């Protein structure tokens, strides 16, 4: 597959075998988890002393014969969580600064496929949609061996183009039922009003949304010197200017924008994560998963 090699898949598989950190409510924060319950399940979890009112059928009679005490066998029950990948495919995602190995788009595709691989290894279904609307064919929720290939083919068919002004035009989430967990990949290059509207829409759409903010070192820093021609990524036109005279103002504006994005996309349902494209994929992936995987 174009965006998922065997080495990445093997490392993700090892990650998928690790236990999950649960919230105080006992629900997995973003991924499914085994929960102890009465009655038959997929895997034995623990013994618990019998209390009046517990179902007699759950008593382990062999253990009673050895200990002369009543104990219940408790089993784990898996909770499956639906995942949705939202990928910003606007023109600015094609940017790769000086010395960059991957564009923001290529990096996001690889990172998204690694997360999709993790979800499917854990038997959680995953779907895919692109922004702006019409950028490429989405992939419905699915799982199984062939689903990763379908996701990879969808990513491979898309070339970043056009302008993204938020989530307008995105197909509505399924009515009723449990809302999916969402991975949203974007460089968040749009106006403040569109960012605020996107935060509201993601909060309403997702049970939990992880906002992965793509940052190319050329944008996050300012590597240009001397007289430089700057061209718009999503708008026509260019301007020539002395880069050294712009650096201070640019860095200050970039820091304000990162702070704005971090604030807008940080809430009980929104988790903000800056994704620098100059860092190795698994360094970022390990940092991202650290909050959910022990």
Protein backbone atom coordinates (compact mmCIF):
# COMPACT_ATOMS: atom_id res chain seq x y z
CA UNK A 1 0.00 0.00 0.00
CA UNK A 2 1.17 3.51 -0.76
CA UNK A 3 0.70 5.02 2.70
CA UNK A 4 1.14 1.98 4.96
CA UNK A 5 4.30 -0.11 4.74
CA UNK A 6 4.91 -3.44 6.44
CA UNK A 7 7.25 -2.00 9.08
CA UNK A 8 4.63 0.54 10.19
CA UNK A 9 1.89 -2.09 10.23
CA UNK A 10 4.05 -4.40 12.40
CA UNK A 11 4.85 -1.65 14.90
CA UNK A 12 1.20 -0.63 15.06
CA UNK A 13 0.21 -4.25 15.69
CA UNK A 14 2.55 -4.31 18.69
CA UNK A 15 0.90 -1.14 19.95
CA UNK A 16 -2.55 -2.62 19.46
CA UNK A 17 -1.77 -5.44 21.87
CA UNK A 18 -1.18 -3.06 24.80
CA UNK A 19 -3.92 -2.43 27.39
CA UNK A 20 -5.92 0.78 27.29
CA UNK A 21 -6.22 3.52 29.86
CA UNK A 22 -9.81 4.00 31.01
CA UNK A 23 -11.49 7.17 32.17
CA UNK A 24 -13.05 7.42 35.60
CA UNK A 25 -16.37 6.29 34.14
CA UNK A 26 -14.83 3.00 32.99
CA UNK A 27 -15.15 3.92 29.29
CA UNK A 28 -12.15 3.82 27.01
CA UNK A 29 -10.93 7.27 26.01
CA UNK A 30 -11.26 6.89 22.28
CA UNK A 31 -10.56 3.20 21.78
CA UNK A 32 -12.59 0.16 22.81
CA UNK A 33 -11.68 -1.77 25.92
CA UNK A 34 -12.61 -4.91 27.78
CA UNK A 35 -14.93 -4.27 30.73
CA UNK A 36 -15.62 -6.75 33.52
CA UNK A 37 -19.23 -7.91 33.59
CA UNK A 38 -21.48 -10.69 34.85
CA UNK A 39 -22.30 -13.58 32.57
CA UNK A 40 -20.55 -15.15 29.62
CA UNK A 41 -18.14 -13.09 27.56
CA UNK A 42 -15.13 -13.43 25.34
CA UNK A 43 -12.42 -13.79 27.99
CA UNK A 44 -12.19 -14.62 31.69
CA UNK A 45 -11.42 -11.51 33.76
CA UNK A 46 -11.50 -12.28 37.49
CA UNK A 47 -13.20 -14.00 40.44
CA UNK A 48 -15.48 -12.13 42.85
CA UNK A 49 -16.98 -13.35 46.14
CA UNK A 50 -20.66 -14.28 45.84
CA UNK A 51 -23.21 -11.84 47.28
CA UNK A 52 -26.89 -12.46 47.89
CA UNK A 53 -28.83 -11.74 44.70
CA UNK A 54 -26.00 -12.63 42.30
CA UNK A 55 -26.94 -15.13 39.56
CA UNK A 56 -26.30 -18.69 40.70
CA UNK A 57 -25.34 -19.74 37.17
CA UNK A 58 -22.17 -17.61 37.44
CA UNK A 59 -20.84 -19.51 40.46
CA UNK A 60 -17.66 -21.48 39.78
CA UNK A 61 -18.64 -24.85 41.32
CA UNK A 62 -15.21 -26.40 40.82
CA UNK A 63 -13.63 -23.61 42.82
CA UNK A 64 -16.34 -24.06 45.48
CA UNK A 65 -15.45 -27.76 45.75
CA UNK A 66 -11.82 -26.83 46.45
CA UNK A 67 -12.37 -23.84 48.74
CA UNK A 68 -15.84 -24.36 50.24
CA UNK A 69 -16.61 -20.73 49.29
CA UNK A 70 -18.83 -19.28 46.59
CA UNK A 71 -17.12 -17.26 43.88
CA UNK A 72 -18.46 -15.78 40.65
CA UNK A 73 -16.56 -15.98 37.41
CA UNK A 74 -16.46 -12.57 35.73
CA UNK A 75 -15.75 -12.11 32.05
CA UNK A 76 -14.64 -9.24 29.83
CA UNK A 77 -17.02 -7.72 27.33
CA UNK A 78 -15.61 -5.74 24.43
CA UNK A 79 -17.02 -2.35 23.49
CA UNK A 80 -16.55 -1.41 19.85
CA UNK A 81 -16.15 2.28 18.98
CA UNK A 82 -16.73 3.62 15.48
CA UNK A 83 -13.99 5.87 14.09
CA UNK A 84 -14.12 8.48 11.35
CA UNK A 85 -11.13 10.12 9.65
CA UNK A 86 -11.72 13.65 8.34
CA UNK A 87 -8.89 14.72 6.05
CA UNK A 88 -8.33 18.30 4.90
CA UNK A 89 -7.38 18.03 1.21
CA UNK A 90 -7.24 21.76 0.44
CA UNK A 91 -4.35 23.17 -1.61
CA UNK A 92 -2.33 24.37 1.39
CA UNK A 93 -1.92 20.75 2.53
CA UNK A 94 0.41 20.15 -0.46
CA UNK A 95 3.00 22.52 1.03
CA UNK A 96 6.48 21.19 1.81
CA UNK A 97 8.98 23.75 3.09
CA UNK A 98 12.72 23.88 2.32
CA UNK A 99 14.33 20.54 3.09
CA UNK A 100 11.04 18.81 3.91
CA UNK A 101 10.87 15.11 3.04
CA UNK A 102 7.06 14.94 3.02
CA UNK A 103 4.33 17.46 2.35
CA UNK A 104 1.68 18.04 5.01
CA UNK A 105 -0.72 15.95 2.92
CA UNK A 106 1.64 12.98 2.55
CA UNK A 107 2.46 13.06 6.26
CA UNK A 108 -1.20 13.19 7.25
CA UNK A 109 -2.00 10.25 4.93
CA UNK A 110 0.67 8.10 6.54
CA UNK A 111 -0.33 9.07 10.06
CA UNK A 112 -4.03 8.49 9.32
CA UNK A 113 -3.33 5.04 7.85
CA UNK A 114 -1.31 4.09 10.95
CA UNK A 115 -4.25 5.09 13.17
CA UNK A 116 -6.70 3.25 10.91
CA UNK A 117 -4.49 0.16 11.14
CA UNK A 118 -4.53 0.42 14.94
CA UNK A 119 -8.33 0.75 15.01
CA UNK A 120 -8.87 -2.24 12.74
CA UNK A 121 -6.42 -4.40 14.70
CA UNK A 122 -8.63 -3.65 17.71
CA UNK A 123 -11.71 -4.56 15.63
CA UNK A 124 -13.08 -1.01 15.67
CA UNK A 125 -14.66 0.04 12.33
CA UNK A 126 -13.26 3.11 10.59
CA UNK A 127 -14.51 5.42 7.82
CA UNK A 128 -13.02 8.30 5.81
CA UNK A 129 -14.24 11.64 4.44
CA UNK A 130 -12.40 14.48 2.69
CA UNK A 131 -12.63 18.25 2.92
CA UNK A 132 -13.52 20.41 1.08
CA UNK A 133 -16.61 18.55 -0.11
CA UNK A 134 -15.98 16.77 -3.40
CA UNK A 135 -12.21 16.46 -2.92
CA UNK A 136 -12.36 12.69 -3.24
CA UNK A 137 -14.44 9.56 -2.67
CA UNK A 138 -15.13 8.85 0.97
CA UNK A 139 -15.01 5.37 2.46
CA UNK A 140 -17.96 4.14 4.56
CA UNK A 141 -17.44 2.61 7.99
CA UNK A 142 -15.92 -0.82 7.66
CA UNK A 143 -13.41 -3.31 9.02
CA UNK A 144 -11.65 -6.48 7.94
CA UNK A 145 -8.51 -7.26 5.97
CA UNK A 146 -9.59 -5.48 2.79
CA UNK A 147 -10.67 -2.25 4.45
CA UNK A 148 -7.15 -0.87 4.90
CA UNK A 149 -6.59 -1.27 1.15
CA UNK A 150 -9.82 0.65 0.45
CA UNK A 151 -8.70 3.49 2.74
CA UNK A 152 -5.25 3.59 1.13
CA UNK A 153 -6.77 3.67 -2.36
CA UNK A 154 -9.01 6.59 -1.36
CA UNK A 155 -6.05 8.59 0.00
CA UNK A 156 -4.03 7.77 -3.13
CA UNK A 157 -6.79 9.07 -5.41
CA UNK A 158 -6.80 12.56 -3.89
CA UNK A 159 -4.60 15.50 -4.88
CA UNK A 160 -4.90 18.54 -2.58
CA UNK A 161 -6.64 21.43 -4.31
CA UNK A 162 -9.07 24.23 -3.65
CA UNK A 163 -9.77 26.23 -0.55
CA UNK A 164 -11.06 24.99 2.79
CA UNK A 165 -13.30 27.33 4.75
CA UNK A 166 -14.39 24.96 7.49
CA UNK A 167 -16.69 21.96 7.61
CA UNK A 168 -19.38 23.38 5.34
CA UNK A 169 -20.60 20.74 2.89
CA UNK A 170 -19.54 17.81 5.05
CA UNK A 171 -22.14 15.06 5.08
CA UNK A 172 -24.04 15.06 8.40
CA UNK A 173 -23.26 12.39 10.96
CA UNK A 174 -25.62 9.50 11.41
CA UNK A 175 -28.75 10.46 13.30
CA UNK A 176 -29.21 8.71 16.63
CA UNK A 177 -27.02 6.02 18.08
CA UNK A 178 -23.54 6.39 19.47
CA UNK A 179 -21.48 9.14 17.87
CA UNK A 180 -18.11 8.12 16.37
CA UNK A 181 -14.70 9.15 17.59
CA UNK A 182 -13.12 11.42 14.96
CA UNK A 183 -9.54 11.97 13.80
CA UNK A 184 -9.46 15.38 12.08
CA UNK A 185 -6.30 16.13 10.05
CA UNK A 186 -5.83 19.74 8.91
CA UNK A 187 -3.39 22.64 8.80
CA UNK A 188 -6.33 24.79 10.04
CA UNK A 189 -5.52 27.55 7.55
CA UNK A 190 -8.79 29.46 7.39
CA UNK A 191 -10.40 32.43 9.09
CA UNK A 192 -11.22 32.64 12.78
CA UNK A 193 -14.97 32.51 12.14
CA UNK A 194 -14.54 29.26 10.18
CA UNK A 195 -12.35 27.78 12.93
CA UNK A 196 -14.92 28.62 15.58
CA UNK A 197 -17.73 27.12 13.47
CA UNK A 198 -15.62 23.99 12.89
CA UNK A 199 -15.04 23.55 16.63
CA UNK A 200 -18.80 23.72 17.23
CA UNK A 201 -19.55 21.27 14.41
CA UNK A 202 -16.95 18.75 15.58
CA UNK A 203 -18.23 18.96 19.14
CA UNK A 204 -21.75 18.18 17.92
CA UNK A 205 -20.64 15.48 15.47
CA UNK A 206 -18.20 13.40 17.51
CA UNK A 207 -18.25 11.53 20.77
CA UNK A 208 -14.57 12.46 20.95
CA UNK A 209 -12.57 14.38 18.32
CA UNK A 210 -8.80 14.40 18.04
CA UNK A 211 -7.69 17.49 16.08
CA UNK A 212 -4.29 16.83 14.52
CA UNK A 213 -2.82 20.18 13.42
CA UNK A 214 -0.29 19.71 10.59
CA UNK A 215 2.71 22.03 10.98
CA UNK A 216 5.47 22.17 8.38
CA UNK A 217 8.76 23.51 9.83
CA UNK A 218 8.81 26.09 7.02
CA UNK A 219 5.52 27.50 8.25
CA UNK A 220 6.11 26.98 11.94
CA UNK A 221 9.48 28.72 11.68
CA UNK A 222 10.76 31.13 9.03
CA UNK A 223 13.68 29.71 7.01
CA UNK A 224 13.68 32.32 4.24
CA UNK A 225 16.32 35.04 3.85
CA UNK A 226 16.86 37.93 1.49
CA UNK A 227 14.52 39.02 -1.25
CA UNK A 228 11.88 36.29 -1.55
CA UNK A 229 8.75 35.78 -3.63
CA UNK A 230 5.85 34.56 -1.47
CA UNK A 231 2.92 32.88 -3.25
CA UNK A 232 -0.50 32.05 -1.87
CA UNK A 233 -1.31 28.36 -1.52
CA UNK A 234 -5.08 28.67 -1.82
CA UNK A 235 -5.35 32.09 -3.46
CA UNK A 236 -3.83 33.47 -6.64
CA UNK A 237 -1.11 36.09 -6.56
CA UNK A 238 2.35 36.55 -5.13
CA UNK A 239 4.41 39.28 -3.51
CA UNK A 240 8.13 39.99 -3.39
CA UNK A 241 9.56 41.16 -0.06
CA UNK A 242 12.70 41.17 2.08
CA UNK A 243 12.22 38.08 4.21
CA UNK A 244 14.45 39.36 7.03
CA UNK A 245 12.12 42.35 7.55
CA UNK A 246 9.08 40.03 7.89
CA UNK A 247 10.48 37.37 10.20
CA UNK A 248 9.65 38.96 13.55
CA UNK A 249 6.07 39.84 12.64
CA UNK A 250 5.51 36.44 11.02
CA UNK A 251 6.77 34.47 14.03
CA UNK A 252 4.57 36.50 16.38
CA UNK A 253 1.51 35.98 14.14
CA UNK A 254 2.24 32.24 13.82
CA UNK A 255 2.50 31.88 17.61
CA UNK A 256 -0.82 33.70 18.09
CA UNK A 257 -2.50 31.44 15.55
CA UNK A 258 -1.19 28.26 17.18
CA UNK A 259 -2.47 29.50 20.53
CA UNK A 260 -5.86 30.29 18.96
CA UNK A 261 -6.14 26.79 17.44
CA UNK A 262 -5.04 25.11 20.66
CA UNK A 263 -7.67 27.06 22.60
CA UNK A 264 -10.55 26.51 20.18
CA UNK A 265 -9.94 22.77 19.84
CA UNK A 266 -9.35 21.93 23.51
CA UNK A 267 -12.45 20.93 25.45
CA UNK A 268 -13.94 17.80 27.06
CA UNK A 269 -14.80 16.51 23.56
CA UNK A 270 -11.98 18.08 21.53
CA UNK A 271 -8.31 17.17 21.95
CA UNK A 272 -5.72 19.30 20.13
CA UNK A 273 -2.44 17.77 18.98
CA UNK A 274 0.25 19.67 16.97
CA UNK A 275 1.71 17.36 14.33
CA UNK A 276 5.11 18.56 13.10
CA UNK A 277 5.96 17.02 9.76
CA UNK A 278 9.74 17.12 10.35
CA UNK A 279 9.48 14.58 13.18
CA UNK A 280 9.61 10.82 12.50
CA UNK A 281 6.13 9.30 12.15
CA UNK A 282 6.46 6.98 15.13
CA UNK A 283 7.79 9.69 17.41
CA UNK A 284 4.61 11.65 16.82
CA UNK A 285 2.45 8.52 16.95
CA UNK A 286 3.91 7.44 20.29
CA UNK A 287 3.35 10.91 21.75
CA UNK A 288 -0.20 10.99 20.42
CA UNK A 289 -1.10 7.59 21.83
CA UNK A 290 0.57 8.21 25.19
CA UNK A 291 -2.61 9.71 26.61
CA UNK A 292 -4.76 6.69 25.68
CA UNK A 293 -2.40 3.71 25.73
CA UNK A 294 -0.50 2.79 28.86
